[in-house]
Amino acid sequence: MKFWKMNGAGNDFIIINNMEEHIPVEKLGNIARTVCERHMSIGADGFMVVDKADGDADYRMRFYNSDGSMGEMCGNGARCICRYGYETGLAGNIQTIETTAGIVTGERINERLYKVRLNDPGIVELDYPIEVDGKTYECSYVELGNPGIPHAVIPLDNIRERDQNELRELGRKMRYHKAFPKGANINFYEILGDHLIFERTFERGVEDFTYACGTGTGSMVTALRMKGISDGINVHVQMTGGELIIDSTEKDLYLTGPTNIVAKGEITDEDLIY
């Protein structure tokens, strides 16, 4: 099975072209779970499968979390797959991608910089406080696309100085909180200055912090714009894996950031059955 390994601001993915591999869809989840295991296989936050589009898009993107569950969409994954699509000749500088959450449009800015229009917010609850261990946390809830990708947006001071194990445990408790019927990605953020924010995201499906989360970053800036805290334009969001740029307006939500082709090759994992 031929693959590419890519990352977008540290959010890393394994990509295969199923128009060439012809793997039955029902087997893709198990493959994702196997190859995303960092100690036993290649390792990644997610597994992306390029397939033939059902409609007029250039191709379809099937996204799987590292635990094998199917995700609605992934912003950094979409940016990476746009570069894959461009460099393999599946699409041009501007491309349209079918995802479970709807159509995503991508644009090549330069060799490594890619921009995608994220799915529109479907559900937004700006004042959505949650209680964990007797403490109430300010929270906004945003779902992007239909079906929506669920994101909780939570301000937290001194994120980088906090005990990371305690922060991880807090993220885990919030991710499964009863306030989120289908679970949620937990986006902790700290405003550092004008148009500058630091963020950490505890992702469902990965069940840990990832180096970056594109849809989470877009949801966070959207919530801040709608609350009047930010104008939403050219907002630089720093995270463990680098920096992403968000432009959020009433009509559009754009995510811009770097891509990196880490490796290309053939998966020969002898534990992989498909």
Protein backbone atom coordinates (compact mmCIF):
# COMPACT_ATOMS: atom_id res chain seq x y z
CA MET A 1 0.00 0.00 0.00
CA LYS A 2 1.58 3.29 -1.12
CA PHE A 3 1.39 6.19 1.32
CA TRP A 4 2.43 9.76 2.05
CA LYS A 5 3.15 10.98 5.57
CA MET A 6 2.42 14.70 5.99
CA ASN A 7 1.88 17.21 8.76
CA GLY A 8 0.28 20.62 9.00
CA ALA A 9 1.66 22.60 11.95
CA GLY A 10 2.50 19.31 13.64
CA ASN A 11 -0.92 17.72 13.09
CA ASP A 12 0.26 14.57 11.24
CA PHE A 13 -1.47 12.25 8.82
CA ILE A 14 -1.02 9.19 6.66
CA ILE A 15 -2.56 9.52 3.19
CA ILE A 16 -3.41 6.80 0.68
CA ASN A 17 -5.10 6.97 -2.72
CA ASN A 18 -7.95 4.46 -2.75
CA MET A 19 -8.61 5.08 -6.42
CA GLU A 20 -5.40 3.08 -6.83
CA GLU A 21 -5.53 0.77 -3.78
CA HIS A 22 -9.22 -0.27 -4.07
CA ILE A 23 -9.59 -1.15 -0.37
CA PRO A 24 -13.18 -1.85 0.79
CA VAL A 25 -14.48 1.06 2.86
CA GLU A 26 -15.45 -1.19 5.77
CA LYS A 27 -11.78 -2.12 6.27
CA LEU A 28 -10.41 1.42 6.37
CA GLY A 29 -11.11 2.00 10.07
CA ASN A 30 -9.03 -1.00 11.11
CA ILE A 31 -6.21 0.09 8.82
CA ALA A 32 -6.30 3.55 10.36
CA ARG A 33 -6.12 2.16 13.88
CA THR A 34 -3.17 -0.08 12.97
CA VAL A 35 -0.98 2.34 11.01
CA CYS A 36 -1.61 5.33 13.31
CA GLU A 37 -0.21 3.52 16.36
CA ARG A 38 3.09 5.34 16.94
CA HIS A 39 4.97 2.59 18.75
CA MET A 40 3.85 -0.29 16.56
CA SER A 41 3.53 1.24 13.09
CA ILE A 42 4.08 4.52 11.24
CA GLY A 43 2.13 6.67 13.68
CA ALA A 44 -0.13 9.65 13.05
CA ASP A 45 -3.01 11.71 14.44
CA GLY A 46 -5.20 10.67 11.54
CA PHE A 47 -5.57 8.57 8.40
CA MET A 48 -6.88 10.14 5.19
CA VAL A 49 -8.14 8.30 2.15
CA VAL A 50 -8.47 9.90 -1.27
CA ASP A 51 -11.38 8.44 -3.20
CA LYS A 52 -13.60 9.23 -6.16
CA ALA A 53 -16.07 12.02 -5.49
CA ASP A 54 -19.78 11.28 -5.50
CA GLY A 55 -20.53 14.71 -6.96
CA ASP A 56 -18.65 17.38 -8.91
CA ALA A 57 -15.71 17.79 -6.51
CA ASP A 58 -12.15 16.95 -7.56
CA TYR A 59 -12.08 14.00 -5.14
CA ARG A 60 -13.45 12.72 -1.85
CA MET A 61 -11.58 12.83 1.46
CA ARG A 62 -12.38 10.14 4.00
CA PHE A 63 -10.94 11.02 7.39
CA TYR A 64 -10.28 8.56 10.22
CA ASN A 65 -9.07 9.34 13.71
CA SER A 66 -6.14 7.39 15.11
CA ASP A 67 -8.54 5.16 17.07
CA GLY A 68 -10.15 4.04 13.81
CA SER A 69 -13.32 6.08 14.19
CA MET A 70 -14.48 8.15 11.23
CA GLY A 71 -14.25 11.92 11.62
CA GLU A 72 -16.46 14.46 9.90
CA MET A 73 -13.54 16.55 8.61
CA CYS A 74 -10.12 17.85 9.62
CA GLY A 75 -8.88 21.35 8.79
CA ASN A 76 -5.15 20.66 8.83
CA GLY A 77 -5.80 17.36 7.13
CA ALA A 78 -7.70 19.17 4.38
CA ARG A 79 -4.76 21.54 3.88
CA CYS A 80 -2.37 18.59 3.61
CA ILE A 81 -4.62 16.68 1.27
CA CYS A 82 -4.90 19.78 -0.93
CA ARG A 83 -1.15 19.68 -1.40
CA TYR A 84 -1.35 15.96 -2.07
CA GLY A 85 -4.07 16.58 -4.64
CA TYR A 86 -2.07 19.32 -6.34
CA GLU A 87 1.24 17.44 -6.42
CA THR A 88 -0.30 14.18 -7.67
CA GLY A 89 -2.27 15.93 -10.43
CA LEU A 90 -5.73 15.28 -8.98
CA ALA A 91 -6.49 19.01 -8.82
CA GLY A 92 -5.14 22.46 -9.64
CA ASN A 93 -4.30 25.54 -7.58
CA ILE A 94 -7.96 25.80 -6.56
CA GLN A 95 -9.75 22.59 -5.67
CA THR A 96 -12.95 21.27 -4.16
CA ILE A 97 -13.02 18.31 -1.79
CA GLU A 98 -15.97 16.23 -0.66
CA THR A 99 -15.95 15.53 3.08
CA THR A 100 -18.48 13.96 5.42
CA ALA A 101 -19.19 17.47 6.78
CA GLY A 102 -19.68 19.00 3.32
CA ILE A 103 -17.64 20.57 0.51
CA VAL A 104 -14.29 22.14 1.41
CA THR A 105 -12.47 24.49 -0.98
CA GLY A 106 -8.67 24.58 -0.97
CA GLU A 107 -6.13 26.98 -2.43
CA ARG A 108 -2.38 26.67 -3.02
CA ILE A 109 -0.65 29.87 -1.84
CA ASN A 110 2.89 28.68 -2.49
CA GLU A 111 4.86 25.42 -2.41
CA ARG A 112 4.16 24.72 1.26
CA LEU A 113 1.45 27.18 2.28
CA TYR A 114 -2.17 26.11 1.74
CA LYS A 115 -5.49 27.72 2.59
CA VAL A 116 -8.89 26.05 2.99
CA ARG A 117 -12.38 27.39 3.45
CA LEU A 118 -13.71 25.51 6.44
CA ASN A 119 -17.30 24.32 6.74
CA ASP A 120 -19.78 26.93 7.93
CA PRO A 121 -20.76 26.89 11.63
CA GLY A 122 -24.02 24.98 11.98
CA ILE A 123 -24.58 25.27 15.73
CA VAL A 124 -23.17 28.05 17.90
CA GLU A 125 -23.80 28.44 21.65
CA LEU A 126 -21.68 31.36 22.85
CA ASP A 127 -22.66 31.10 26.52
CA TYR A 128 -22.37 27.40 27.37
CA PRO A 129 -20.68 27.03 30.78
CA ILE A 130 -19.74 23.56 32.00
CA GLU A 131 -18.90 22.26 35.46
CA VAL A 132 -15.99 19.90 36.17
CA ASP A 133 -15.04 18.75 39.67
CA GLY A 134 -17.17 21.47 41.25
CA LYS A 135 -15.66 24.30 39.19
CA THR A 136 -17.59 26.15 36.47
CA TYR A 137 -15.68 26.98 33.29
CA GLU A 138 -16.65 29.63 30.75
CA CYS A 139 -17.33 27.86 27.47
CA SER A 140 -18.67 28.37 23.96
CA TYR A 141 -19.84 25.47 21.81
CA VAL A 142 -19.42 25.46 18.03
CA GLU A 143 -20.15 22.80 15.40
CA LEU A 144 -18.68 23.20 11.93
CA GLY A 145 -20.42 21.59 8.96
CA ASN A 146 -23.34 19.18 8.70
CA PRO A 147 -23.05 16.77 10.43
CA GLY A 148 -21.15 19.13 12.67
CA ILE A 149 -17.66 18.77 14.09
CA PRO A 150 -18.16 19.54 17.80
CA HIS A 151 -15.82 22.01 19.50
CA ALA A 152 -15.79 23.46 23.01
CA VAL A 153 -13.93 26.78 23.30
CA ILE A 154 -12.62 27.49 26.80
CA PRO A 155 -10.42 30.41 27.99
CA LEU A 156 -7.63 29.37 30.35
CA ASP A 157 -4.79 31.50 31.69
CA ASN A 158 -1.13 30.46 31.67
CA ILE A 159 -1.73 27.34 29.57
CA ARG A 160 1.96 26.71 28.91
CA GLU A 161 2.91 27.01 32.58
CA ARG A 162 0.28 24.59 33.86
CA ASP A 163 1.06 21.01 34.79
CA GLN A 164 0.49 19.22 31.50
CA ASN A 165 -0.75 15.99 33.09
CA GLU A 166 -3.38 17.92 35.05
CA LEU A 167 -4.34 19.84 31.91
CA ARG A 168 -4.63 16.58 29.97
CA GLU A 169 -6.90 15.11 32.63
CA LEU A 170 -9.09 18.23 32.55
CA GLY A 171 -9.31 17.96 28.77
CA ARG A 172 -10.28 14.30 29.02
CA LYS A 173 -13.06 15.01 31.53
CA MET A 174 -14.43 17.84 29.38
CA ARG A 175 -14.20 15.80 26.18
CA TYR A 176 -16.68 13.27 27.64
CA HIS A 177 -18.79 15.85 29.49
CA LYS A 178 -22.55 15.22 29.51
CA ALA A 179 -23.05 18.71 28.04
CA PHE A 180 -21.67 17.36 24.75
CA PRO A 181 -23.92 14.48 23.61
CA LYS A 182 -21.51 13.31 20.89
CA GLY A 183 -18.35 14.35 22.72
CA ALA A 184 -16.30 17.39 21.78
CA ASN A 185 -12.84 18.57 20.91
CA ILE A 186 -11.69 20.77 23.81
CA ASN A 187 -9.94 23.97 22.74
CA PHE A 188 -8.19 25.80 25.57
CA TYR A 189 -7.04 29.28 24.57
CA GLU A 190 -5.19 32.26 25.99
CA ILE A 191 -5.20 35.70 24.37
CA LEU A 192 -1.60 36.95 24.15
CA GLY A 193 -2.16 40.22 22.31
CA ASP A 194 -3.95 41.89 19.43
CA HIS A 195 -4.65 39.16 16.83
CA LEU A 196 -2.38 36.73 18.71
CA ILE A 197 -3.68 33.69 20.64
CA PHE A 198 -2.17 30.54 22.11
CA GLU A 199 -4.24 27.35 21.91
CA ARG A 200 -4.10 23.69 22.91
CA THR A 201 -6.68 21.17 21.70
CA PHE A 202 -7.60 17.85 23.30
CA GLU A 203 -9.01 15.89 20.37
CA ARG A 204 -11.65 13.20 20.48
CA GLY A 205 -10.58 10.15 18.49
CA VAL A 206 -6.94 10.86 19.33
CA GLU A 207 -7.81 11.12 23.04
CA ASP A 208 -4.91 13.41 23.77
CA PHE A 209 -3.56 16.83 22.91
CA THR A 210 -2.49 17.20 19.30
CA TYR A 211 0.12 19.66 18.05
CA ALA A 212 -2.58 21.60 16.18
CA CYS A 213 -6.28 21.43 15.27
CA GLY A 214 -7.50 23.45 12.29
CA THR A 215 -11.25 23.13 12.83
CA GLY A 216 -10.75 23.81 16.53
CA THR A 217 -8.77 26.96 15.77
CA GLY A 218 -11.44 28.12 13.34
CA SER A 219 -14.19 27.42 15.87
CA MET A 220 -12.32 29.31 18.58
CA VAL A 221 -11.79 32.45 16.48
CA THR A 222 -15.39 32.30 15.25
CA ALA A 223 -16.65 32.26 18.84
CA LEU A 224 -14.39 35.18 19.79
CA ARG A 225 -15.59 37.17 16.77
CA MET A 226 -19.24 36.54 17.56
CA LYS A 227 -18.67 37.55 21.20
CA GLY A 228 -17.03 40.80 20.06
CA ILE A 229 -13.62 39.90 21.52
CA SER A 230 -11.89 39.75 18.11
CA ASP A 231 -12.63 41.08 14.63
CA GLY A 232 -11.70 37.62 13.33
CA ILE A 233 -9.37 38.86 10.57
CA ASN A 234 -5.75 37.68 10.23
CA VAL A 235 -5.74 36.11 13.67
CA HIS A 236 -2.46 34.30 14.36
CA VAL A 237 -2.91 31.27 16.58
CA GLN A 238 0.18 29.71 18.11
CA MET A 239 0.20 26.08 19.20
CA THR A 240 2.69 23.33 19.94
CA GLY A 241 3.29 22.55 16.26
CA GLY A 242 3.57 26.09 14.92
CA GLU A 243 1.17 28.81 13.85
CA LEU A 244 -2.09 28.92 11.93
CA ILE A 245 -3.92 31.96 10.56
CA ILE A 246 -7.69 32.32 10.73
CA ASP A 247 -9.97 34.72 8.86
CA SER A 248 -13.52 34.54 10.19
CA THR A 249 -16.38 36.67 8.84
CA GLU A 250 -20.16 36.30 8.83
CA LYS A 251 -19.90 34.67 5.38
CA ASP A 252 -16.63 32.74 5.36
CA LEU A 253 -14.15 30.90 7.57
CA TYR A 254 -10.62 30.40 6.24
CA LEU A 255 -7.67 28.45 7.65
CA THR A 256 -4.14 29.12 6.33
CA GLY A 257 -0.98 27.33 7.38
CA PRO A 258 2.11 25.31 6.46
CA THR A 259 2.32 21.77 5.12
CA ASN A 260 5.22 19.34 5.25
CA ILE A 261 5.74 16.16 3.24
CA VAL A 262 7.59 13.96 5.73
CA ALA A 263 7.84 10.70 3.80
CA LYS A 264 6.58 8.77 0.79
CA GLY A 265 6.73 5.02 0.51
CA GLU A 266 5.04 1.67 0.91
CA ILE A 267 3.36 0.37 4.05
CA THR A 268 4.73 -3.11 4.76
CA ASP A 269 3.36 -3.51 8.30
CA GLU A 270 3.10 -7.28 8.81
CA ASP A 271 0.41 -6.86 11.48
CA LEU A 272 -1.86 -5.10 9.01
CA ILE A 273 -4.71 -7.25 7.75
CA TYR A 274 -7.05 -5.93 5.03
